[in-house]
Amino acid sequence: MKIQSGVPQGSILGPILFLIYINDIAYSCPDLNIDLYADDSTCFRSGINLLEIETKLQTNLDNISKWCNINNMTLHPKKTKCMIIGSKQKVRCDKQLILRLKVTVLENVTCHKVLGVIVDNNLNWRKHIDYVCKALNNKISLHKHILYYLTDEMKLLFYNAYLLPVFDYCCTIWGKDYKSYINKINILQKRAAKLILNKPI
């Protein structure tokens, strides 16, 4: 079939063609900071005056919406969120952005997962570290259950394939949190090491 818009899903060239296809979306909003990762886009603006930020973001959202209409792309208002990021002193609970995508008012959130990292409105990484700890606990538990069937080499392979990526993913961003919170990760790392080395936990 002839493809009228977009790119075929699952093809080898698909990701590159999709990036070429959406590459000029940034030019529809020259005064906006926009990060693109495949079909996941994040727009952001910095400033002191909330009303000014809101006005500029709304103008840019309208421009992006027009670009999508021209290029036969669809935006999902329910999947689109907005968040004010700043220090606890400056970001109060009563402050919210009022942004619209066509007729839908976008939901304000205090934290949101962006490319696998949970970002909160004070750039506090505790929710993300809790999420990492939960993922690690599940994988360590699985490791413990299959330990009897694994050789030493297989144990190391399991660690490198299933645990290390969770420890390492974006740790340069969230790894500078309070020592008390990072210690939760260190305890899990030691637990995983003891399993590999056949030491008592």
C-alpha atoms as a PDB file:
ATOM      1  CA  MET A   1       0.000   0.000   0.000  1.00  0.00           C
ATOM      2  CA  LYS A   2       1.075   3.543  -0.656  1.00  0.00           C
ATOM      3  CA  ILE A   3       1.979   5.323   2.594  1.00  0.00           C
ATOM      4  CA  GLN A   4       0.447   8.801   2.731  1.00  0.00           C
ATOM      5  CA  SER A   5       2.210   9.906   5.919  1.00  0.00           C
ATOM      6  CA  GLY A   6       4.632   8.656   8.552  1.00  0.00           C
ATOM      7  CA  VAL A   7       6.910   5.642   8.042  1.00  0.00           C
ATOM      8  CA  PRO A   8       6.332   1.850   8.023  1.00  0.00           C
ATOM      9  CA  GLN A   9       6.535   0.426  11.545  1.00  0.00           C
ATOM     10  CA  GLY A  10       9.149  -2.255  12.243  1.00  0.00           C
ATOM     11  CA  SER A  11      11.337  -1.456   9.245  1.00  0.00           C
ATOM     12  CA  ILE A  12      15.136  -1.101   9.502  1.00  0.00           C
ATOM     13  CA  LEU A  13      15.105   2.435   8.114  1.00  0.00           C
ATOM     14  CA  GLY A  14      11.970   3.341  10.107  1.00  0.00           C
ATOM     15  CA  PRO A  15      13.676   5.165  13.027  1.00  0.00           C
ATOM     16  CA  ILE A  16      15.938   7.237  10.737  1.00  0.00           C
ATOM     17  CA  LEU A  17      13.082   8.068   8.362  1.00  0.00           C
ATOM     18  CA  PHE A  18      10.864   9.045  11.313  1.00  0.00           C
ATOM     19  CA  LEU A  19      13.560  11.385  12.669  1.00  0.00           C
ATOM     20  CA  ILE A  20      13.918  12.985   9.231  1.00  0.00           C
ATOM     21  CA  TYR A  21      10.122  13.263   9.033  1.00  0.00           C
ATOM     22  CA  ILE A  22       9.749  15.137  12.365  1.00  0.00           C
ATOM     23  CA  ASN A  23      13.094  16.970  12.316  1.00  0.00           C
ATOM     24  CA  ASP A  24      11.608  20.338  11.322  1.00  0.00           C
ATOM     25  CA  ILE A  25       9.102  20.394  14.206  1.00  0.00           C
ATOM     26  CA  ALA A  26      11.664  22.419  16.192  1.00  0.00           C
ATOM     27  CA  TYR A  27      11.577  25.145  13.512  1.00  0.00           C
ATOM     28  CA  SER A  28       7.855  25.647  14.109  1.00  0.00           C
ATOM     29  CA  CYS A  29       8.827  27.061  17.558  1.00  0.00           C
ATOM     30  CA  PRO A  30      12.130  28.961  17.141  1.00  0.00           C
ATOM     31  CA  ASP A  31      11.974  30.525  20.644  1.00  0.00           C
ATOM     32  CA  LEU A  32      11.265  27.220  22.439  1.00  0.00           C
ATOM     33  CA  ASN A  33      13.637  24.623  23.842  1.00  0.00           C
ATOM     34  CA  ILE A  34      12.542  21.216  22.576  1.00  0.00           C
ATOM     35  CA  ASP A  35      14.098  17.782  23.124  1.00  0.00           C
ATOM     36  CA  LEU A  36      13.151  15.069  20.646  1.00  0.00           C
ATOM     37  CA  TYR A  37      13.618  11.347  21.204  1.00  0.00           C
ATOM     38  CA  ALA A  38      11.798   9.274  18.585  1.00  0.00           C
ATOM     39  CA  ASP A  39       8.099  10.123  19.091  1.00  0.00           C
ATOM     40  CA  ASP A  40       8.693  11.421  22.649  1.00  0.00           C
ATOM     41  CA  SER A  41       9.098  15.213  22.772  1.00  0.00           C
ATOM     42  CA  THR A  42       9.699  17.520  25.730  1.00  0.00           C
ATOM     43  CA  CYS A  43       9.233  21.288  25.467  1.00  0.00           C
ATOM     44  CA  PHE A  44      10.552  23.586  28.159  1.00  0.00           C
ATOM     45  CA  ARG A  45      10.910  27.259  29.002  1.00  0.00           C
ATOM     46  CA  SER A  46      12.723  28.981  31.871  1.00  0.00           C
ATOM     47  CA  GLY A  47      11.950  32.290  33.535  1.00  0.00           C
ATOM     48  CA  ILE A  48      10.762  34.089  36.644  1.00  0.00           C
ATOM     49  CA  ASN A  49       7.317  35.267  35.507  1.00  0.00           C
ATOM     50  CA  LEU A  50       4.890  32.319  35.411  1.00  0.00           C
ATOM     51  CA  LEU A  51       2.338  34.132  33.221  1.00  0.00           C
ATOM     52  CA  GLU A  52       5.020  34.932  30.624  1.00  0.00           C
ATOM     53  CA  ILE A  53       6.208  31.290  30.581  1.00  0.00           C
ATOM     54  CA  GLU A  54       2.612  30.086  30.264  1.00  0.00           C
ATOM     55  CA  THR A  55       1.874  32.471  27.362  1.00  0.00           C
ATOM     56  CA  LYS A  56       4.996  31.461  25.432  1.00  0.00           C
ATOM     57  CA  LEU A  57       4.396  27.741  26.013  1.00  0.00           C
ATOM     58  CA  GLN A  58       0.791  28.064  24.861  1.00  0.00           C
ATOM     59  CA  THR A  59       1.853  29.871  21.666  1.00  0.00           C
ATOM     60  CA  ASN A  60       4.379  27.136  20.965  1.00  0.00           C
ATOM     61  CA  LEU A  61       1.866  24.364  21.704  1.00  0.00           C
ATOM     62  CA  ASP A  62      -0.471  25.958  19.159  1.00  0.00           C
ATOM     63  CA  ASN A  63       2.381  26.060  16.603  1.00  0.00           C
ATOM     64  CA  ILE A  64       3.234  22.393  17.241  1.00  0.00           C
ATOM     65  CA  SER A  65      -0.441  21.482  16.874  1.00  0.00           C
ATOM     66  CA  LYS A  66      -0.551  23.292  13.490  1.00  0.00           C
ATOM     67  CA  TRP A  67       2.652  21.488  12.393  1.00  0.00           C
ATOM     68  CA  CYS A  68       1.061  18.152  13.325  1.00  0.00           C
ATOM     69  CA  ASN A  69      -2.071  18.933  11.317  1.00  0.00           C
ATOM     70  CA  ILE A  70      -0.008  19.863   8.244  1.00  0.00           C
ATOM     71  CA  ASN A  71       2.154  16.722   8.574  1.00  0.00           C
ATOM     72  CA  ASN A  72      -0.686  14.277   9.375  1.00  0.00           C
ATOM     73  CA  MET A  73       0.594  13.603  12.894  1.00  0.00           C
ATOM     74  CA  THR A  74      -1.561  13.232  16.007  1.00  0.00           C
ATOM     75  CA  LEU A  75      -0.911  14.662  19.468  1.00  0.00           C
ATOM     76  CA  HIS A  76      -2.432  12.872  22.481  1.00  0.00           C
ATOM     77  CA  PRO A  77      -3.713  15.494  24.961  1.00  0.00           C
ATOM     78  CA  LYS A  78      -4.245  12.867  27.689  1.00  0.00           C
ATOM     79  CA  LYS A  79      -0.635  11.687  27.374  1.00  0.00           C
ATOM     80  CA  THR A  80       0.680  15.269  27.401  1.00  0.00           C
ATOM     81  CA  LYS A  81       1.513  16.645  30.854  1.00  0.00           C
ATOM     82  CA  CYS A  82       2.926  19.906  32.180  1.00  0.00           C
ATOM     83  CA  MET A  83       5.034  20.595  35.252  1.00  0.00           C
ATOM     84  CA  ILE A  84       6.636  23.570  36.988  1.00  0.00           C
ATOM     85  CA  ILE A  85      10.189  22.767  38.128  1.00  0.00           C
ATOM     86  CA  GLY A  86      12.003  24.781  40.776  1.00  0.00           C
ATOM     87  CA  SER A  87      13.088  24.910  44.410  1.00  0.00           C
ATOM     88  CA  LYS A  88      10.592  24.153  47.206  1.00  0.00           C
ATOM     89  CA  GLN A  89      10.623  27.833  48.215  1.00  0.00           C
ATOM     90  CA  LYS A  90       9.717  29.060  44.720  1.00  0.00           C
ATOM     91  CA  VAL A  91       7.386  26.272  43.567  1.00  0.00           C
ATOM     92  CA  ARG A  92       4.307  26.327  45.763  1.00  0.00           C
ATOM     93  CA  CYS A  93       1.452  23.802  45.523  1.00  0.00           C
ATOM     94  CA  ASP A  94      -1.042  26.458  44.398  1.00  0.00           C
ATOM     95  CA  LYS A  95       1.012  27.384  41.304  1.00  0.00           C
ATOM     96  CA  GLN A  96      -0.132  25.627  38.149  1.00  0.00           C
ATOM     97  CA  LEU A  97       0.215  26.066  34.419  1.00  0.00           C
ATOM     98  CA  ILE A  98      -2.998  26.405  32.429  1.00  0.00           C
ATOM     99  CA  LEU A  99      -2.129  25.047  28.995  1.00  0.00           C
ATOM    100  CA  ARG A 100      -4.499  23.749  26.334  1.00  0.00           C
ATOM    101  CA  LEU A 101      -4.063  21.367  23.450  1.00  0.00           C
ATOM    102  CA  LYS A 102      -6.967  22.283  21.182  1.00  0.00           C
ATOM    103  CA  VAL A 103      -9.855  22.142  23.702  1.00  0.00           C
ATOM    104  CA  THR A 104      -8.258  19.865  26.316  1.00  0.00           C
ATOM    105  CA  VAL A 105      -6.628  21.440  29.402  1.00  0.00           C
ATOM    106  CA  LEU A 106      -3.341  19.658  30.082  1.00  0.00           C
ATOM    107  CA  GLU A 107      -2.884  17.905  33.416  1.00  0.00           C
ATOM    108  CA  ASN A 108      -0.375  19.439  35.867  1.00  0.00           C
ATOM    109  CA  VAL A 109       1.840  16.845  37.552  1.00  0.00           C
ATOM    110  CA  THR A 110       4.430  16.965  40.339  1.00  0.00           C
ATOM    111  CA  CYS A 111       6.469  14.101  38.861  1.00  0.00           C
ATOM    112  CA  HIS A 112       6.662  12.367  35.506  1.00  0.00           C
ATOM    113  CA  LYS A 113       8.716   9.608  33.893  1.00  0.00           C
ATOM    114  CA  VAL A 114      10.862  11.001  31.066  1.00  0.00           C
ATOM    115  CA  LEU A 115      12.753   8.368  29.060  1.00  0.00           C
ATOM    116  CA  GLY A 116      12.814   5.991  32.031  1.00  0.00           C
ATOM    117  CA  VAL A 117      13.816   8.569  34.671  1.00  0.00           C
ATOM    118  CA  ILE A 118      11.245   9.880  37.167  1.00  0.00           C
ATOM    119  CA  VAL A 119      11.664  13.666  37.334  1.00  0.00           C
ATOM    120  CA  ASP A 120       9.878  15.569  40.097  1.00  0.00           C
ATOM    121  CA  ASN A 121       9.138  19.287  40.326  1.00  0.00           C
ATOM    122  CA  ASN A 122      11.958  19.945  42.829  1.00  0.00           C
ATOM    123  CA  LEU A 123      14.517  17.763  41.006  1.00  0.00           C
ATOM    124  CA  ASN A 124      14.563  15.464  43.998  1.00  0.00           C
ATOM    125  CA  TRP A 125      15.451  11.937  42.855  1.00  0.00           C
ATOM    126  CA  ARG A 126      13.902   9.977  45.733  1.00  0.00           C
ATOM    127  CA  LYS A 127      10.932   8.698  43.718  1.00  0.00           C
ATOM    128  CA  HIS A 128      13.267   7.548  40.971  1.00  0.00           C
ATOM    129  CA  ILE A 129      15.605   5.845  43.470  1.00  0.00           C
ATOM    130  CA  ASP A 130      12.591   4.065  45.028  1.00  0.00           C
ATOM    131  CA  TYR A 131      11.594   2.940  41.529  1.00  0.00           C
ATOM    132  CA  VAL A 132      15.162   1.677  40.860  1.00  0.00           C
ATOM    133  CA  CYS A 133      15.230  -0.164  44.215  1.00  0.00           C
ATOM    134  CA  LYS A 134      11.925  -1.886  43.443  1.00  0.00           C
ATOM    135  CA  ALA A 135      13.180  -2.984  40.003  1.00  0.00           C
ATOM    136  CA  LEU A 136      16.462  -4.238  41.522  1.00  0.00           C
ATOM    137  CA  ASN A 137      14.684  -6.130  44.324  1.00  0.00           C
ATOM    138  CA  ASN A 138      12.571  -7.984  41.753  1.00  0.00           C
ATOM    139  CA  LYS A 139      15.608  -8.928  39.661  1.00  0.00           C
ATOM    140  CA  ILE A 140      17.697  -9.952  42.692  1.00  0.00           C
ATOM    141  CA  SER A 141      14.806 -12.115  43.888  1.00  0.00           C
ATOM    142  CA  LEU A 142      14.674 -13.821  40.475  1.00  0.00           C
ATOM    143  CA  HIS A 143      18.465 -14.273  40.588  1.00  0.00           C
ATOM    144  CA  LYS A 144      18.168 -15.918  44.006  1.00  0.00           C
ATOM    145  CA  HIS A 145      15.506 -18.368  42.758  1.00  0.00           C
ATOM    146  CA  ILE A 146      17.551 -19.565  39.752  1.00  0.00           C
ATOM    147  CA  LEU A 147      20.945 -19.494  41.512  1.00  0.00           C
ATOM    148  CA  TYR A 148      21.094 -23.265  41.925  1.00  0.00           C
ATOM    149  CA  TYR A 149      20.968 -23.781  38.131  1.00  0.00           C
ATOM    150  CA  LEU A 150      23.663 -21.221  37.230  1.00  0.00           C
ATOM    151  CA  THR A 151      27.417 -21.578  36.908  1.00  0.00           C
ATOM    152  CA  ASP A 152      29.663 -18.766  38.186  1.00  0.00           C
ATOM    153  CA  GLU A 153      30.018 -17.471  34.636  1.00  0.00           C
ATOM    154  CA  MET A 154      26.239 -17.491  34.140  1.00  0.00           C
ATOM    155  CA  LYS A 155      25.725 -15.610  37.424  1.00  0.00           C
ATOM    156  CA  LEU A 156      28.023 -12.867  36.173  1.00  0.00           C
ATOM    157  CA  LEU A 157      26.232 -12.800  32.812  1.00  0.00           C
ATOM    158  CA  PHE A 158      22.886 -12.460  34.617  1.00  0.00           C
ATOM    159  CA  TYR A 159      24.256  -9.562  36.685  1.00  0.00           C
ATOM    160  CA  ASN A 160      25.673  -7.765  33.609  1.00  0.00           C
ATOM    161  CA  ALA A 161      22.514  -8.288  31.550  1.00  0.00           C
ATOM    162  CA  TYR A 162      19.739  -7.696  34.118  1.00  0.00           C
ATOM    163  CA  LEU A 163      21.097  -5.816  37.132  1.00  0.00           C
ATOM    164  CA  LEU A 164      23.948  -3.582  35.965  1.00  0.00           C
ATOM    165  CA  PRO A 165      21.819  -1.687  33.382  1.00  0.00           C
ATOM    166  CA  VAL A 166      19.346  -0.786  36.165  1.00  0.00           C
ATOM    167  CA  PHE A 167      22.180   0.425  38.431  1.00  0.00           C
ATOM    168  CA  ASP A 168      23.847   2.381  35.617  1.00  0.00           C
ATOM    169  CA  TYR A 169      20.944   3.911  33.696  1.00  0.00           C
ATOM    170  CA  CYS A 170      21.251   7.715  33.977  1.00  0.00           C
ATOM    171  CA  CYS A 171      23.056   7.383  37.337  1.00  0.00           C
ATOM    172  CA  THR A 172      25.070  10.524  36.513  1.00  0.00           C
ATOM    173  CA  ILE A 173      21.781  12.447  36.907  1.00  0.00           C
ATOM    174  CA  TRP A 174      20.214  10.854  39.996  1.00  0.00           C
ATOM    175  CA  GLY A 175      23.372   9.460  41.644  1.00  0.00           C
ATOM    176  CA  LYS A 176      24.140  12.717  43.476  1.00  0.00           C
ATOM    177  CA  ASP A 177      21.176  12.489  45.865  1.00  0.00           C
ATOM    178  CA  TYR A 178      21.523  12.344  49.662  1.00  0.00           C
ATOM    179  CA  LYS A 179      23.874   9.612  50.910  1.00  0.00           C
ATOM    180  CA  SER A 180      21.079   8.032  52.963  1.00  0.00           C
ATOM    181  CA  TYR A 181      19.117   7.412  49.766  1.00  0.00           C
ATOM    182  CA  ILE A 182      22.071   6.305  47.657  1.00  0.00           C
ATOM    183  CA  ASN A 183      22.929   3.826  50.439  1.00  0.00           C
ATOM    184  CA  LYS A 184      19.711   1.951  49.554  1.00  0.00           C
ATOM    185  CA  ILE A 185      21.229   1.289  46.116  1.00  0.00           C
ATOM    186  CA  ASN A 186      24.613   0.328  47.634  1.00  0.00           C
ATOM    187  CA  ILE A 187      22.946  -2.236  49.923  1.00  0.00           C
ATOM    188  CA  LEU A 188      21.270  -3.864  46.909  1.00  0.00           C
ATOM    189  CA  GLN A 189      24.554  -3.862  44.983  1.00  0.00           C
ATOM    190  CA  LYS A 190      26.279  -5.664  47.880  1.00  0.00           C
ATOM    191  CA  ARG A 191      23.397  -8.138  48.069  1.00  0.00           C
ATOM    192  CA  ALA A 192      23.766  -8.926  44.358  1.00  0.00           C
ATOM    193  CA  ALA A 193      27.557  -9.310  44.742  1.00  0.00           C
ATOM    194  CA  LYS A 194      27.111 -11.750  47.649  1.00  0.00           C
ATOM    195  CA  LEU A 195      24.796 -13.898  45.520  1.00  0.00           C
ATOM    196  CA  ILE A 196      27.355 -14.070  42.715  1.00  0.00           C
ATOM    197  CA  LEU A 197      30.206 -14.849  45.121  1.00  0.00           C
ATOM    198  CA  ASN A 198      28.131 -17.412  47.089  1.00  0.00           C
ATOM    199  CA  LYS A 199      28.480 -15.416  50.310  1.00  0.00           C
ATOM    200  CA  PRO A 200      25.733 -15.383  52.998  1.00  0.00           C
ATOM    201  CA  ILE A 201      23.360 -12.437  52.633  1.00  0.00           C
END
